[in-house]
C-alpha atoms as a PDB file:
ATOM      1  CA  UNK A   1       0.470  -0.311  -0.179  1.00  0.00           C
ATOM      2  CA  UNK A   2       1.624   3.122  -0.963  1.00  0.00           C
ATOM      3  CA  UNK A   3       1.783   6.697   0.791  1.00  0.00           C
ATOM      4  CA  UNK A   4       0.359   8.413  -2.845  1.00  0.00           C
ATOM      5  CA  UNK A   5      -3.460   9.130  -2.615  1.00  0.00           C
ATOM      6  CA  UNK A   6      -4.013   9.006  -6.157  1.00  0.00           C
ATOM      7  CA  UNK A   7      -2.552   5.318  -6.119  1.00  0.00           C
ATOM      8  CA  UNK A   8      -2.923   3.800  -2.667  1.00  0.00           C
ATOM      9  CA  UNK A   9      -2.534   0.014  -4.055  1.00  0.00           C
ATOM     10  CA  UNK A  10       1.008   0.806  -5.747  1.00  0.00           C
ATOM     11  CA  UNK A  11       2.964  -2.153  -3.915  1.00  0.00           C
ATOM     12  CA  UNK A  12       6.188  -2.450  -5.777  1.00  0.00           C
ATOM     13  CA  UNK A  13       8.796  -0.413  -7.083  1.00  0.00           C
ATOM     14  CA  UNK A  14       7.467  -1.598 -10.986  1.00  0.00           C
ATOM     15  CA  UNK A  15       4.775   0.196 -10.604  1.00  0.00           C
ATOM     16  CA  UNK A  16       5.458   3.216  -9.394  1.00  0.00           C
ATOM     17  CA  UNK A  17       7.831   3.300 -12.033  1.00  0.00           C
ATOM     18  CA  UNK A  18       5.319   2.149 -14.832  1.00  0.00           C
ATOM     19  CA  UNK A  19       3.036   5.259 -13.072  1.00  0.00           C
ATOM     20  CA  UNK A  20       5.729   7.772 -13.189  1.00  0.00           C
ATOM     21  CA  UNK A  21       7.884   6.839 -15.452  1.00  0.00           C
ATOM     22  CA  UNK A  22      10.101   9.522 -15.329  1.00  0.00           C
ATOM     23  CA  UNK A  23      10.749   9.265 -11.576  1.00  0.00           C
ATOM     24  CA  UNK A  24      13.446   6.709 -12.180  1.00  0.00           C
ATOM     25  CA  UNK A  25      14.500   6.716 -15.859  1.00  0.00           C
ATOM     26  CA  UNK A  26      17.985   9.204 -14.853  1.00  0.00           C
ATOM     27  CA  UNK A  27      18.253   6.803 -11.450  1.00  0.00           C
ATOM     28  CA  UNK A  28      18.350   3.933 -13.841  1.00  0.00           C
ATOM     29  CA  UNK A  29      20.416   5.188 -16.102  1.00  0.00           C
ATOM     30  CA  UNK A  30      23.081   6.261 -13.280  1.00  0.00           C
ATOM     31  CA  UNK A  31      22.920   2.805 -12.456  1.00  0.00           C
ATOM     32  CA  UNK A  32      23.361   1.126 -16.056  1.00  0.00           C
ATOM     33  CA  UNK A  33      26.640   3.654 -16.295  1.00  0.00           C
ATOM     34  CA  UNK A  34      28.527   2.692 -12.684  1.00  0.00           C
ATOM     35  CA  UNK A  35      27.751  -1.200 -13.934  1.00  0.00           C
ATOM     36  CA  UNK A  36      29.066  -0.644 -17.206  1.00  0.00           C
ATOM     37  CA  UNK A  37      32.506  -2.686 -18.431  1.00  0.00           C
ATOM     38  CA  UNK A  38      35.049   0.294 -17.745  1.00  0.00           C
ATOM     39  CA  UNK A  39      33.761  -0.180 -13.737  1.00  0.00           C
ATOM     40  CA  UNK A  40      36.388  -2.257 -12.103  1.00  0.00           C
ATOM     41  CA  UNK A  41      33.780  -3.368  -9.641  1.00  0.00           C
ATOM     42  CA  UNK A  42      32.519  -6.693 -11.498  1.00  0.00           C
ATOM     43  CA  UNK A  43      28.553  -7.382 -11.518  1.00  0.00           C
ATOM     44  CA  UNK A  44      28.824  -9.658  -8.373  1.00  0.00           C
ATOM     45  CA  UNK A  45      30.771  -7.153  -6.564  1.00  0.00           C
ATOM     46  CA  UNK A  46      27.830  -4.288  -7.333  1.00  0.00           C
ATOM     47  CA  UNK A  47      25.323  -6.913  -6.220  1.00  0.00           C
ATOM     48  CA  UNK A  48      27.085  -7.936  -3.108  1.00  0.00           C
ATOM     49  CA  UNK A  49      27.334  -3.939  -2.076  1.00  0.00           C
ATOM     50  CA  UNK A  50      23.609  -3.024  -3.656  1.00  0.00           C
ATOM     51  CA  UNK A  51      22.235  -5.968  -1.385  1.00  0.00           C
ATOM     52  CA  UNK A  52      24.640  -5.155   1.580  1.00  0.00           C
ATOM     53  CA  UNK A  53      23.304  -1.272   1.225  1.00  0.00           C
ATOM     54  CA  UNK A  54      19.755  -1.997   1.146  1.00  0.00           C
ATOM     55  CA  UNK A  55      20.393  -4.810   4.124  1.00  0.00           C
ATOM     56  CA  UNK A  56      21.692  -1.641   6.086  1.00  0.00           C
ATOM     57  CA  UNK A  57      18.484   1.015   4.843  1.00  0.00           C
ATOM     58  CA  UNK A  58      15.810  -2.046   6.327  1.00  0.00           C
ATOM     59  CA  UNK A  59      14.564  -1.584   2.216  1.00  0.00           C
ATOM     60  CA  UNK A  60      13.341  -5.370   1.707  1.00  0.00           C
ATOM     61  CA  UNK A  61      12.837  -5.313  -1.487  1.00  0.00           C
ATOM     62  CA  UNK A  62      16.027  -4.109  -2.812  1.00  0.00           C
ATOM     63  CA  UNK A  63      17.643  -6.395  -0.844  1.00  0.00           C
ATOM     64  CA  UNK A  64      15.861  -9.339  -1.504  1.00  0.00           C
ATOM     65  CA  UNK A  65      15.858  -8.522  -5.253  1.00  0.00           C
ATOM     66  CA  UNK A  66      20.269  -8.179  -4.803  1.00  0.00           C
ATOM     67  CA  UNK A  67      20.206 -11.102  -2.886  1.00  0.00           C
ATOM     68  CA  UNK A  68      18.783 -13.404  -5.683  1.00  0.00           C
ATOM     69  CA  UNK A  69      21.047 -12.420  -8.245  1.00  0.00           C
ATOM     70  CA  UNK A  70      23.692 -12.880  -6.002  1.00  0.00           C
ATOM     71  CA  UNK A  71      22.763 -16.410  -5.637  1.00  0.00           C
ATOM     72  CA  UNK A  72      21.940 -17.041  -8.986  1.00  0.00           C
ATOM     73  CA  UNK A  73      25.748 -15.869  -9.016  1.00  0.00           C
ATOM     74  CA  UNK A  74      26.751 -18.562  -6.978  1.00  0.00           C
ATOM     75  CA  UNK A  75      27.099 -16.490  -3.721  1.00  0.00           C
ATOM     76  CA  UNK A  76      25.950 -17.924  -0.151  1.00  0.00           C
ATOM     77  CA  UNK A  77      23.115 -16.377   1.219  1.00  0.00           C
ATOM     78  CA  UNK A  78      25.039 -16.904   4.450  1.00  0.00           C
ATOM     79  CA  UNK A  79      27.420 -14.289   3.603  1.00  0.00           C
ATOM     80  CA  UNK A  80      24.386 -11.227   4.023  1.00  0.00           C
ATOM     81  CA  UNK A  81      24.089 -12.694   7.432  1.00  0.00           C
ATOM     82  CA  UNK A  82      27.774 -12.769   8.346  1.00  0.00           C
ATOM     83  CA  UNK A  83      28.160  -8.930   7.125  1.00  0.00           C
ATOM     84  CA  UNK A  84      25.654  -7.965   9.015  1.00  0.00           C
ATOM     85  CA  UNK A  85      27.546  -9.141  12.285  1.00  0.00           C
ATOM     86  CA  UNK A  86      30.932  -8.771  11.170  1.00  0.00           C
ATOM     87  CA  UNK A  87      32.755  -7.322   8.374  1.00  0.00           C
ATOM     88  CA  UNK A  88      35.957  -8.626   9.357  1.00  0.00           C
ATOM     89  CA  UNK A  89      34.149 -12.088   9.905  1.00  0.00           C
ATOM     90  CA  UNK A  90      32.646 -12.151   6.910  1.00  0.00           C
ATOM     91  CA  UNK A  91      33.868 -14.862   4.474  1.00  0.00           C
ATOM     92  CA  UNK A  92      34.173 -12.581   1.590  1.00  0.00           C
ATOM     93  CA  UNK A  93      37.412 -11.658  -0.098  1.00  0.00           C
ATOM     94  CA  UNK A  94      39.720  -9.986   2.066  1.00  0.00           C
ATOM     95  CA  UNK A  95      39.957  -7.046  -0.895  1.00  0.00           C
ATOM     96  CA  UNK A  96      35.998  -6.107  -0.503  1.00  0.00           C
ATOM     97  CA  UNK A  97      36.280  -5.325   3.231  1.00  0.00           C
ATOM     98  CA  UNK A  98      37.641  -2.427   2.974  1.00  0.00           C
ATOM     99  CA  UNK A  99      34.769  -1.188   0.458  1.00  0.00           C
ATOM    100  CA  UNK A 100      32.161  -3.021   2.494  1.00  0.00           C
ATOM    101  CA  UNK A 101      32.937  -0.859   5.817  1.00  0.00           C
ATOM    102  CA  UNK A 102      33.352   2.219   3.476  1.00  0.00           C
ATOM    103  CA  UNK A 103      29.831   1.815   2.027  1.00  0.00           C
ATOM    104  CA  UNK A 104      28.665   1.115   5.873  1.00  0.00           C
ATOM    105  CA  UNK A 105      30.066   4.105   7.091  1.00  0.00           C
ATOM    106  CA  UNK A 106      28.565   6.183   4.146  1.00  0.00           C
ATOM    107  CA  UNK A 107      25.319   4.712   4.930  1.00  0.00           C
ATOM    108  CA  UNK A 108      24.781   4.866   8.306  1.00  0.00           C
ATOM    109  CA  UNK A 109      27.163   7.507   9.238  1.00  0.00           C
ATOM    110  CA  UNK A 110      28.542   9.485   6.201  1.00  0.00           C
ATOM    111  CA  UNK A 111      29.638  12.203   8.518  1.00  0.00           C
ATOM    112  CA  UNK A 112      32.209   9.742  10.419  1.00  0.00           C
ATOM    113  CA  UNK A 113      34.377   9.214   7.073  1.00  0.00           C
ATOM    114  CA  UNK A 114      38.107   9.681   7.714  1.00  0.00           C
ATOM    115  CA  UNK A 115      41.036   9.386   5.364  1.00  0.00           C
ATOM    116  CA  UNK A 116      41.618   6.341   6.806  1.00  0.00           C
ATOM    117  CA  UNK A 117      39.150   4.585   5.204  1.00  0.00           C
ATOM    118  CA  UNK A 118      40.103   5.631   2.318  1.00  0.00           C
ATOM    119  CA  UNK A 119      43.820   4.921   2.607  1.00  0.00           C
ATOM    120  CA  UNK A 120      42.308   1.250   3.596  1.00  0.00           C
ATOM    121  CA  UNK A 121      40.780   1.158   0.154  1.00  0.00           C
ATOM    122  CA  UNK A 122      43.662   1.904  -2.003  1.00  0.00           C
ATOM    123  CA  UNK A 123      45.975  -0.309  -0.112  1.00  0.00           C
ATOM    124  CA  UNK A 124      43.817  -3.299  -0.830  1.00  0.00           C
ATOM    125  CA  UNK A 125      44.325  -2.772  -4.554  1.00  0.00           C
ATOM    126  CA  UNK A 126      41.479  -0.591  -5.444  1.00  0.00           C
ATOM    127  CA  UNK A 127      42.264   2.366  -7.626  1.00  0.00           C
ATOM    128  CA  UNK A 128      40.302   6.250  -7.687  1.00  0.00           C
ATOM    129  CA  UNK A 129      37.824   4.781 -10.205  1.00  0.00           C
ATOM    130  CA  UNK A 130      36.529   1.752  -7.953  1.00  0.00           C
ATOM    131  CA  UNK A 131      36.457   4.359  -4.849  1.00  0.00           C
ATOM    132  CA  UNK A 132      34.108   6.861  -7.320  1.00  0.00           C
ATOM    133  CA  UNK A 133      32.280   3.710  -8.861  1.00  0.00           C
ATOM    134  CA  UNK A 134      31.538   2.084  -4.894  1.00  0.00           C
ATOM    135  CA  UNK A 135      30.441   6.073  -3.871  1.00  0.00           C
ATOM    136  CA  UNK A 136      28.277   6.604  -6.656  1.00  0.00           C
ATOM    137  CA  UNK A 137      26.588   2.877  -6.244  1.00  0.00           C
ATOM    138  CA  UNK A 138      26.161   3.333  -2.505  1.00  0.00           C
ATOM    139  CA  UNK A 139      24.618   6.757  -3.058  1.00  0.00           C
ATOM    140  CA  UNK A 140      22.397   5.445  -5.689  1.00  0.00           C
ATOM    141  CA  UNK A 141      21.264   2.604  -3.736  1.00  0.00           C
ATOM    142  CA  UNK A 142      20.236   4.625  -1.098  1.00  0.00           C
ATOM    143  CA  UNK A 143      18.836   7.018  -3.166  1.00  0.00           C
ATOM    144  CA  UNK A 144      16.598   4.081  -4.763  1.00  0.00           C
ATOM    145  CA  UNK A 145      15.593   2.438  -1.643  1.00  0.00           C
ATOM    146  CA  UNK A 146      14.877   5.895   0.108  1.00  0.00           C
ATOM    147  CA  UNK A 147      12.526   6.677  -2.992  1.00  0.00           C
ATOM    148  CA  UNK A 148      10.882   3.256  -2.564  1.00  0.00           C
ATOM    149  CA  UNK A 149      10.622   3.792   1.018  1.00  0.00           C
ATOM    150  CA  UNK A 150       9.458   6.961   1.197  1.00  0.00           C
ATOM    151  CA  UNK A 151       6.639   6.254  -1.172  1.00  0.00           C
ATOM    152  CA  UNK A 152       5.716   3.675   0.894  1.00  0.00           C
ATOM    153  CA  UNK A 153       6.221   0.758  -1.794  1.00  0.00           C
ATOM    154  CA  UNK A 154       9.324  -1.114   0.198  1.00  0.00           C
ATOM    155  CA  UNK A 155       7.847  -4.458   0.328  1.00  0.00           C
ATOM    156  CA  UNK A 156       9.230  -7.550  -0.695  1.00  0.00           C
ATOM    157  CA  UNK A 157       8.693  -8.264  -4.350  1.00  0.00           C
ATOM    158  CA  UNK A 158       6.282 -11.224  -5.709  1.00  0.00           C
ATOM    159  CA  UNK A 159       7.668 -11.282  -9.137  1.00  0.00           C
ATOM    160  CA  UNK A 160      11.585 -10.446  -8.903  1.00  0.00           C
ATOM    161  CA  UNK A 161      11.549 -10.943 -12.372  1.00  0.00           C
ATOM    162  CA  UNK A 162       9.759  -7.665 -13.514  1.00  0.00           C
ATOM    163  CA  UNK A 163      11.535  -4.762 -15.369  1.00  0.00           C
ATOM    164  CA  UNK A 164      12.468  -2.358 -12.615  1.00  0.00           C
ATOM    165  CA  UNK A 165      12.632  -4.773 -10.080  1.00  0.00           C
ATOM    166  CA  UNK A 166      15.541  -6.563 -11.411  1.00  0.00           C
ATOM    167  CA  UNK A 167      18.361  -4.416 -12.023  1.00  0.00           C
ATOM    168  CA  UNK A 168      20.282  -7.024 -14.779  1.00  0.00           C
ATOM    169  CA  UNK A 169      17.097  -6.297 -17.135  1.00  0.00           C
ATOM    170  CA  UNK A 170      18.439  -2.649 -17.067  1.00  0.00           C
ATOM    171  CA  UNK A 171      21.900  -3.631 -17.643  1.00  0.00           C
ATOM    172  CA  UNK A 172      22.331  -6.364 -20.076  1.00  0.00           C
END
């Protein structure tokens, strides 16, 4: 049930985009650009970060969508529980941990980011492009989550294969 008096029955981001397509076109173009082949972030890293940020935001539909994609790419679902408990002990590539710590802080306490987090990202072997792609991805996922939550339509998607509910449809 949405918060929109003109559309109280909207129940998904898909429905919102169908009714108001201009609202999300630019956001999805930015997501598409961020996932381009020129990004040092692979598709599975992109989906892991997207799911993790959505989980931090308590955005159920976005988290579930990206979790399904990550599982399809061979990622163990337990990783998301591990990340929620402790990034350091999570069974993910060590190189990803500085990025995941960074997006957690950028999502929850952005004013507390320090040069130390950035140095850790570079020390793990990431470059400026990876940092900027991570910042942009985190910002866009946060924006999309707040868009859905603010409109009152963030509920687990019943059909994760619908356009706008399944990000890969937009990227490939």
